[in-house]
Protein backbone atom coordinates (compact mmCIF):
# COMPACT_ATOMS: atom_id res chain seq x y z
CA UNK A 1 60.66 110.08 73.17
CA UNK A 2 58.16 109.47 75.81
CA UNK A 3 58.65 105.71 78.15
CA UNK A 4 55.86 104.25 75.38
CA UNK A 5 59.19 103.80 73.45
CA UNK A 6 60.54 101.61 75.33
CA UNK A 7 59.63 97.99 74.25
CA UNK A 8 59.88 98.24 70.98
CA UNK A 9 63.24 99.69 70.59
CA UNK A 10 64.63 97.39 73.26
CA UNK A 11 63.45 94.17 70.95
CA UNK A 12 65.01 96.65 68.12
CA UNK A 13 68.95 96.91 69.73
CA UNK A 14 68.53 94.58 72.40
CA UNK A 15 67.24 91.52 69.28
CA UNK A 16 67.59 93.01 66.15
CA UNK A 17 71.25 94.26 66.12
CA UNK A 18 72.28 91.56 67.88
CA UNK A 19 70.76 88.83 64.90
CA UNK A 20 72.31 91.45 62.47
CA UNK A 21 75.92 91.21 64.40
CA UNK A 22 76.01 88.00 64.96
CA UNK A 23 74.68 87.09 61.03
CA UNK A 24 77.63 88.86 59.14
CA UNK A 25 80.32 87.71 61.75
CA UNK A 26 78.63 84.28 60.40
CA UNK A 27 78.39 85.56 57.58
CA UNK A 28 82.67 86.78 57.29
CA UNK A 29 83.21 83.92 58.21
CA UNK A 30 82.07 81.39 56.48
CA UNK A 31 83.68 83.74 53.15
CA UNK A 32 86.98 83.83 54.65
CA UNK A 33 87.18 79.46 55.05
CA UNK A 34 86.12 79.74 51.74
CA UNK A 35 88.73 82.30 50.64
CA UNK A 36 91.51 80.13 51.33
CA UNK A 37 92.60 77.96 49.43
CA UNK A 38 96.26 75.87 49.47
CA UNK A 39 98.05 76.45 46.85
CA UNK A 40 98.55 80.17 48.15
CA UNK A 41 99.30 79.24 51.48
CA UNK A 42 101.54 77.43 50.66
CA UNK A 43 103.35 80.22 47.89
CA UNK A 44 102.58 82.63 51.36
CA UNK A 45 104.64 80.54 53.89
CA UNK A 46 107.98 79.95 51.18
CA UNK A 47 107.76 83.87 51.07
CA UNK A 48 107.77 84.86 54.89
CA UNK A 49 110.78 81.69 55.09
CA UNK A 50 112.89 84.15 52.73
CA UNK A 51 111.44 86.89 54.60
CA UNK A 52 112.91 85.63 57.55
CA UNK A 53 116.58 83.63 55.76
CA UNK A 54 117.57 87.09 54.47
CA UNK A 55 120.18 89.30 56.17
CA UNK A 56 118.80 93.16 56.86
CA UNK A 57 120.40 95.65 55.39
CA UNK A 58 120.45 97.46 58.40
CA UNK A 59 121.81 95.41 60.78
CA UNK A 60 125.21 96.19 59.96
CA UNK A 61 128.13 97.18 61.99
CA UNK A 62 128.48 101.31 61.82
CA UNK A 63 131.45 101.85 60.69
CA UNK A 64 133.98 104.29 62.58
CA UNK A 65 135.21 107.83 60.88
CA UNK A 66 138.63 106.78 60.25
CA UNK A 67 139.08 111.14 59.69
CA UNK A 68 139.98 112.57 56.53
CA UNK A 69 141.11 111.09 53.82
């Protein structure tokens, strides 16, 4: 690529793509905030509390080998 392309390539990369990225991030943040629903948050929080209260089946003490029966 020749040195003549440096000016417009700089403009494209350093300005254009940064603006596109900033716009995409702003749009994603607004869409995420708009999607939040207090009822869904309550259901999620209750489900998380139930998971913490439920006993882990793998946490039982291992049985010792009692020999042949």
